[in-house]
Amino acid sequence: MKPSLMRRLFRFRRDEEGGIFLIEFCILVPILFGAFMMAVEMGLYSMRQMYLDRGVDIAVRYIRLSTNTPIAHDQIKQIVCDNAGFIEDCDSTLRLEMIPLLPRAFATFDQTPDCVDTSAPASPVRGFVLGREHEVMIMRACVKFKPVFATTGLGKSLEKDGSGRARLIAVSAFVQEPK
């Protein structure tokens, strides 16, 4: 090492004024950065959830009000993806379920969402029925996304599939309008 660098290190070691701040800095900065990273992850998670809810609400409004025209699963999926602008790769990670719901037997509704596992082979659409007039329907959308900070804080605590993607779920219940 250079002599001037050695002199500076010895002077820093002898000096009693700055050492305390260095210890505080080394302890507090990782905590502050961790909190900042969790805040960014939570903000992005909330934005994705808001956009997914918006896309599902617009699709449900379209289904509910246009009972005279037949609509397919792919059309509804396209409506959700078009209106959920912040969700990346929506076409391949979005999974929709739409099933009739018996108002007096709510316990028959399956509570586990049908999500796409991008690390597993594709499975067919589970439960997609358009419904009839005056029928209570429930539509559930599940989309997979990659957390920004997947190894720290909030991104680490999210439940992930085999490819490291977490899930967002949006549920909407509605009644089919009469023709």
C-alpha atoms as a PDB file:
ATOM      1  CA  MET A   1       0.000   0.000   0.000  1.00  0.00           C
ATOM      2  CA  LYS A   2       1.025   3.569  -0.469  1.00  0.00           C
ATOM      3  CA  PRO A   3       2.384   5.365   2.571  1.00  0.00           C
ATOM      4  CA  SER A   4      -0.240   8.109   2.381  1.00  0.00           C
ATOM      5  CA  LEU A   5      -3.041   5.548   2.446  1.00  0.00           C
ATOM      6  CA  MET A   6      -1.504   3.805   5.441  1.00  0.00           C
ATOM      7  CA  ARG A   7      -1.189   7.136   7.232  1.00  0.00           C
ATOM      8  CA  ARG A   8      -4.856   7.908   6.584  1.00  0.00           C
ATOM      9  CA  LEU A   9      -5.956   4.514   7.888  1.00  0.00           C
ATOM     10  CA  PHE A  10      -3.917   4.928  11.083  1.00  0.00           C
ATOM     11  CA  ARG A  11      -5.273   8.450  11.543  1.00  0.00           C
ATOM     12  CA  PHE A  12      -8.842   7.151  11.082  1.00  0.00           C
ATOM     13  CA  ARG A  13      -8.176   4.434  13.648  1.00  0.00           C
ATOM     14  CA  ARG A  14      -6.858   6.927  16.215  1.00  0.00           C
ATOM     15  CA  ASP A  15      -9.615   9.463  15.592  1.00  0.00           C
ATOM     16  CA  GLU A  16     -12.518   9.088  17.999  1.00  0.00           C
ATOM     17  CA  GLU A  17     -14.987  11.461  16.319  1.00  0.00           C
ATOM     18  CA  GLY A  18     -16.074   9.589  13.145  1.00  0.00           C
ATOM     19  CA  GLY A  19     -16.054   5.955  14.237  1.00  0.00           C
ATOM     20  CA  ILE A  20     -19.416   6.111  15.973  1.00  0.00           C
ATOM     21  CA  PHE A  21     -21.158   7.378  12.860  1.00  0.00           C
ATOM     22  CA  LEU A  22     -19.626   4.626  10.763  1.00  0.00           C
ATOM     23  CA  ILE A  23     -21.114   1.959  13.027  1.00  0.00           C
ATOM     24  CA  GLU A  24     -24.554   3.604  12.931  1.00  0.00           C
ATOM     25  CA  PHE A  25     -24.286   3.924   9.173  1.00  0.00           C
ATOM     26  CA  CYS A  26     -23.386   0.239   8.750  1.00  0.00           C
ATOM     27  CA  ILE A  27     -26.309  -0.835  10.926  1.00  0.00           C
ATOM     28  CA  LEU A  28     -29.028   1.505   9.664  1.00  0.00           C
ATOM     29  CA  VAL A  29     -28.375   1.707   5.908  1.00  0.00           C
ATOM     30  CA  PRO A  30     -29.246  -1.956   5.166  1.00  0.00           C
ATOM     31  CA  ILE A  31     -32.451  -1.554   7.180  1.00  0.00           C
ATOM     32  CA  LEU A  32     -33.375   1.610   5.271  1.00  0.00           C
ATOM     33  CA  PHE A  33     -32.594   0.028   1.898  1.00  0.00           C
ATOM     34  CA  GLY A  34     -34.642  -3.041   2.842  1.00  0.00           C
ATOM     35  CA  ALA A  35     -37.600  -0.838   3.778  1.00  0.00           C
ATOM     36  CA  PHE A  36     -37.216   1.094   0.525  1.00  0.00           C
ATOM     37  CA  MET A  37     -37.147  -2.118  -1.524  1.00  0.00           C
ATOM     38  CA  MET A  38     -40.246  -3.450   0.253  1.00  0.00           C
ATOM     39  CA  ALA A  39     -42.042  -0.139  -0.357  1.00  0.00           C
ATOM     40  CA  VAL A  40     -41.246  -0.279  -4.079  1.00  0.00           C
ATOM     41  CA  GLU A  41     -42.383  -3.924  -4.285  1.00  0.00           C
ATOM     42  CA  MET A  42     -45.615  -3.157  -2.412  1.00  0.00           C
ATOM     43  CA  GLY A  43     -46.327  -0.179  -4.664  1.00  0.00           C
ATOM     44  CA  LEU A  44     -45.871  -2.256  -7.815  1.00  0.00           C
ATOM     45  CA  TYR A  45     -47.952  -5.102  -6.350  1.00  0.00           C
ATOM     46  CA  SER A  46     -50.761  -2.651  -5.552  1.00  0.00           C
ATOM     47  CA  MET A  47     -50.628  -1.169  -9.056  1.00  0.00           C
ATOM     48  CA  ARG A  48     -50.828  -4.613 -10.650  1.00  0.00           C
ATOM     49  CA  GLN A  49     -53.757  -5.539  -8.400  1.00  0.00           C
ATOM     50  CA  MET A  50     -55.581  -2.304  -9.226  1.00  0.00           C
ATOM     51  CA  TYR A  51     -55.134  -2.796 -12.978  1.00  0.00           C
ATOM     52  CA  LEU A  52     -56.264  -6.436 -12.787  1.00  0.00           C
ATOM     53  CA  ASP A  53     -59.364  -5.416 -10.802  1.00  0.00           C
ATOM     54  CA  ARG A  54     -60.096  -2.708 -13.374  1.00  0.00           C
ATOM     55  CA  GLY A  55     -59.768  -5.134 -16.295  1.00  0.00           C
ATOM     56  CA  VAL A  56     -62.030  -7.699 -14.614  1.00  0.00           C
ATOM     57  CA  ASP A  57     -64.630  -5.044 -13.739  1.00  0.00           C
ATOM     58  CA  ILE A  58     -64.779  -3.767 -17.320  1.00  0.00           C
ATOM     59  CA  ALA A  59     -65.059  -7.324 -18.679  1.00  0.00           C
ATOM     60  CA  VAL A  60     -67.838  -8.142 -16.195  1.00  0.00           C
ATOM     61  CA  ARG A  61     -69.710  -4.984 -17.164  1.00  0.00           C
ATOM     62  CA  TYR A  62     -69.450  -5.989 -20.825  1.00  0.00           C
ATOM     63  CA  ILE A  63     -70.682  -9.544 -20.123  1.00  0.00           C
ATOM     64  CA  ARG A  64     -73.506  -8.387 -17.887  1.00  0.00           C
ATOM     65  CA  LEU A  65     -74.884  -5.817 -20.311  1.00  0.00           C
ATOM     66  CA  SER A  66     -74.514  -7.736 -23.581  1.00  0.00           C
ATOM     67  CA  THR A  67     -76.453 -10.915 -22.874  1.00  0.00           C
ATOM     68  CA  ASN A  68     -77.875 -11.042 -26.415  1.00  0.00           C
ATOM     69  CA  THR A  69     -74.486 -11.605 -28.020  1.00  0.00           C
ATOM     70  CA  PRO A  70     -72.587 -14.834 -27.397  1.00  0.00           C
ATOM     71  CA  ILE A  71     -69.093 -14.273 -26.070  1.00  0.00           C
ATOM     72  CA  ALA A  72     -66.161 -16.687 -25.882  1.00  0.00           C
ATOM     73  CA  HIS A  73     -63.490 -17.223 -23.259  1.00  0.00           C
ATOM     74  CA  ASP A  74     -60.766 -15.736 -25.478  1.00  0.00           C
ATOM     75  CA  GLN A  75     -62.793 -12.553 -26.051  1.00  0.00           C
ATOM     76  CA  ILE A  76     -63.251 -12.022 -22.319  1.00  0.00           C
ATOM     77  CA  LYS A  77     -59.571 -12.687 -21.737  1.00  0.00           C
ATOM     78  CA  GLN A  78     -58.700 -10.126 -24.404  1.00  0.00           C
ATOM     79  CA  ILE A  79     -60.995  -7.526 -22.787  1.00  0.00           C
ATOM     80  CA  VAL A  80     -59.339  -8.075 -19.399  1.00  0.00           C
ATOM     81  CA  CYS A  81     -55.838  -7.865 -20.876  1.00  0.00           C
ATOM     82  CA  ASP A  82     -56.652  -4.749 -22.913  1.00  0.00           C
ATOM     83  CA  ASN A  83     -57.883  -2.929 -19.812  1.00  0.00           C
ATOM     84  CA  ALA A  84     -55.219  -4.225 -17.412  1.00  0.00           C
ATOM     85  CA  GLY A  85     -52.393  -2.221 -18.912  1.00  0.00           C
ATOM     86  CA  PHE A  86     -49.661  -2.655 -16.303  1.00  0.00           C
ATOM     87  CA  ILE A  87     -49.659  -6.468 -16.241  1.00  0.00           C
ATOM     88  CA  GLU A  88     -46.817  -7.870 -18.322  1.00  0.00           C
ATOM     89  CA  ASP A  89     -47.354 -10.912 -20.547  1.00  0.00           C
ATOM     90  CA  CYS A  90     -51.072 -10.917 -19.741  1.00  0.00           C
ATOM     91  CA  ASP A  91     -52.143 -13.206 -22.596  1.00  0.00           C
ATOM     92  CA  SER A  92     -50.060 -16.145 -21.415  1.00  0.00           C
ATOM     93  CA  THR A  93     -50.282 -15.692 -17.628  1.00  0.00           C
ATOM     94  CA  LEU A  94     -53.963 -14.787 -17.173  1.00  0.00           C
ATOM     95  CA  ARG A  95     -56.407 -17.546 -16.279  1.00  0.00           C
ATOM     96  CA  LEU A  96     -60.173 -16.913 -16.092  1.00  0.00           C
ATOM     97  CA  GLU A  97     -62.930 -18.856 -14.368  1.00  0.00           C
ATOM     98  CA  MET A  98     -66.612 -18.018 -14.692  1.00  0.00           C
ATOM     99  CA  ILE A  99     -69.148 -20.257 -13.003  1.00  0.00           C
ATOM    100  CA  PRO A 100     -72.782 -19.968 -11.908  1.00  0.00           C
ATOM    101  CA  LEU A 101     -73.263 -19.559  -8.196  1.00  0.00           C
ATOM    102  CA  LEU A 102     -76.217 -20.906  -6.280  1.00  0.00           C
ATOM    103  CA  PRO A 103     -77.158 -18.185  -3.759  1.00  0.00           C
ATOM    104  CA  ARG A 104     -78.366 -20.681  -1.164  1.00  0.00           C
ATOM    105  CA  ALA A 105     -75.381 -23.033  -1.474  1.00  0.00           C
ATOM    106  CA  PHE A 106     -72.368 -20.723  -1.444  1.00  0.00           C
ATOM    107  CA  ALA A 107     -70.195 -23.431   0.103  1.00  0.00           C
ATOM    108  CA  THR A 108     -70.064 -25.284  -3.237  1.00  0.00           C
ATOM    109  CA  PHE A 109     -67.799 -22.599  -4.694  1.00  0.00           C
ATOM    110  CA  ASP A 110     -64.216 -23.904  -5.000  1.00  0.00           C
ATOM    111  CA  GLN A 111     -61.968 -21.596  -2.979  1.00  0.00           C
ATOM    112  CA  THR A 112     -58.672 -22.458  -4.692  1.00  0.00           C
ATOM    113  CA  PRO A 113     -58.020 -20.260  -7.727  1.00  0.00           C
ATOM    114  CA  ASP A 114     -57.014 -21.750 -11.058  1.00  0.00           C
ATOM    115  CA  CYS A 115     -53.689 -20.147 -11.927  1.00  0.00           C
ATOM    116  CA  VAL A 116     -51.227 -20.776 -14.727  1.00  0.00           C
ATOM    117  CA  ASP A 117     -48.035 -22.494 -13.621  1.00  0.00           C
ATOM    118  CA  THR A 118     -45.597 -21.458 -16.322  1.00  0.00           C
ATOM    119  CA  SER A 119     -43.148 -24.163 -15.293  1.00  0.00           C
ATOM    120  CA  ALA A 120     -45.727 -26.958 -15.773  1.00  0.00           C
ATOM    121  CA  PRO A 121     -47.512 -28.142 -18.952  1.00  0.00           C
ATOM    122  CA  ALA A 122     -50.674 -26.246 -19.893  1.00  0.00           C
ATOM    123  CA  SER A 123     -53.975 -27.500 -18.537  1.00  0.00           C
ATOM    124  CA  PRO A 124     -57.438 -26.913 -20.043  1.00  0.00           C
ATOM    125  CA  VAL A 125     -59.732 -24.118 -18.896  1.00  0.00           C
ATOM    126  CA  ARG A 126     -61.386 -25.005 -15.596  1.00  0.00           C
ATOM    127  CA  GLY A 127     -65.017 -23.987 -15.194  1.00  0.00           C
ATOM    128  CA  PHE A 128     -66.093 -21.440 -17.777  1.00  0.00           C
ATOM    129  CA  VAL A 129     -69.877 -21.154 -18.194  1.00  0.00           C
ATOM    130  CA  LEU A 130     -71.558 -18.077 -19.655  1.00  0.00           C
ATOM    131  CA  GLY A 131     -74.737 -18.336 -17.601  1.00  0.00           C
ATOM    132  CA  ARG A 132     -78.406 -17.556 -18.245  1.00  0.00           C
ATOM    133  CA  GLU A 133     -80.704 -14.647 -17.469  1.00  0.00           C
ATOM    134  CA  HIS A 134     -81.036 -13.710 -13.778  1.00  0.00           C
ATOM    135  CA  GLU A 135     -78.310 -16.164 -12.798  1.00  0.00           C
ATOM    136  CA  VAL A 136     -75.694 -15.178 -10.234  1.00  0.00           C
ATOM    137  CA  MET A 137     -72.241 -15.623 -11.747  1.00  0.00           C
ATOM    138  CA  ILE A 138     -68.795 -15.343 -10.292  1.00  0.00           C
ATOM    139  CA  MET A 139     -65.739 -14.537 -12.367  1.00  0.00           C
ATOM    140  CA  ARG A 140     -62.257 -15.060 -10.989  1.00  0.00           C
ATOM    141  CA  ALA A 141     -59.063 -13.996 -12.711  1.00  0.00           C
ATOM    142  CA  CYS A 142     -55.607 -15.142 -11.700  1.00  0.00           C
ATOM    143  CA  VAL A 143     -52.468 -13.710 -13.234  1.00  0.00           C
ATOM    144  CA  LYS A 144     -48.836 -14.590 -12.572  1.00  0.00           C
ATOM    145  CA  PHE A 145     -46.063 -11.996 -12.344  1.00  0.00           C
ATOM    146  CA  LYS A 146     -42.391 -11.837 -11.450  1.00  0.00           C
ATOM    147  CA  PRO A 147     -41.627  -9.803  -8.308  1.00  0.00           C
ATOM    148  CA  VAL A 148     -39.064  -7.037  -8.799  1.00  0.00           C
ATOM    149  CA  PHE A 149     -37.052  -7.965  -5.694  1.00  0.00           C
ATOM    150  CA  ALA A 150     -37.801 -11.692  -5.541  1.00  0.00           C
ATOM    151  CA  THR A 151     -35.126 -12.541  -2.967  1.00  0.00           C
ATOM    152  CA  THR A 152     -35.706  -9.836  -0.348  1.00  0.00           C
ATOM    153  CA  GLY A 153     -38.515  -8.504   1.795  1.00  0.00           C
ATOM    154  CA  LEU A 154     -42.002  -8.707   0.381  1.00  0.00           C
ATOM    155  CA  GLY A 155     -40.941 -10.407  -2.857  1.00  0.00           C
ATOM    156  CA  LYS A 156     -39.397 -13.238  -0.859  1.00  0.00           C
ATOM    157  CA  SER A 157     -42.521 -13.785   1.251  1.00  0.00           C
ATOM    158  CA  LEU A 158     -44.931 -14.019  -1.704  1.00  0.00           C
ATOM    159  CA  GLU A 159     -46.032 -17.556  -2.594  1.00  0.00           C
ATOM    160  CA  LYS A 160     -44.371 -18.488  -5.902  1.00  0.00           C
ATOM    161  CA  ASP A 161     -44.686 -21.323  -8.428  1.00  0.00           C
ATOM    162  CA  GLY A 162     -41.888 -23.363  -9.984  1.00  0.00           C
ATOM    163  CA  SER A 163     -40.795 -20.539 -12.295  1.00  0.00           C
ATOM    164  CA  GLY A 164     -40.577 -17.941  -9.508  1.00  0.00           C
ATOM    165  CA  ARG A 165     -43.825 -16.135 -10.339  1.00  0.00           C
ATOM    166  CA  ALA A 166     -46.267 -14.879  -7.705  1.00  0.00           C
ATOM    167  CA  ARG A 167     -50.014 -14.584  -8.273  1.00  0.00           C
ATOM    168  CA  LEU A 168     -52.675 -11.894  -8.213  1.00  0.00           C
ATOM    169  CA  ILE A 169     -56.350 -12.777  -7.901  1.00  0.00           C
ATOM    170  CA  ALA A 170     -59.402 -10.672  -8.720  1.00  0.00           C
ATOM    171  CA  VAL A 171     -62.961 -11.873  -8.076  1.00  0.00           C
ATOM    172  CA  SER A 172     -66.214 -10.316  -9.239  1.00  0.00           C
ATOM    173  CA  ALA A 173     -69.784 -11.500  -8.749  1.00  0.00           C
ATOM    174  CA  PHE A 174     -72.661 -10.314 -10.918  1.00  0.00           C
ATOM    175  CA  VAL A 175     -76.148 -11.205 -12.103  1.00  0.00           C
ATOM    176  CA  GLN A 176     -76.811 -11.794 -15.794  1.00  0.00           C
ATOM    177  CA  GLU A 177     -79.195  -9.159 -17.097  1.00  0.00           C
ATOM    178  CA  PRO A 178     -82.396 -10.215 -18.872  1.00  0.00           C
ATOM    179  CA  LYS A 179     -82.549 -10.010 -22.657  1.00  0.00           C
END
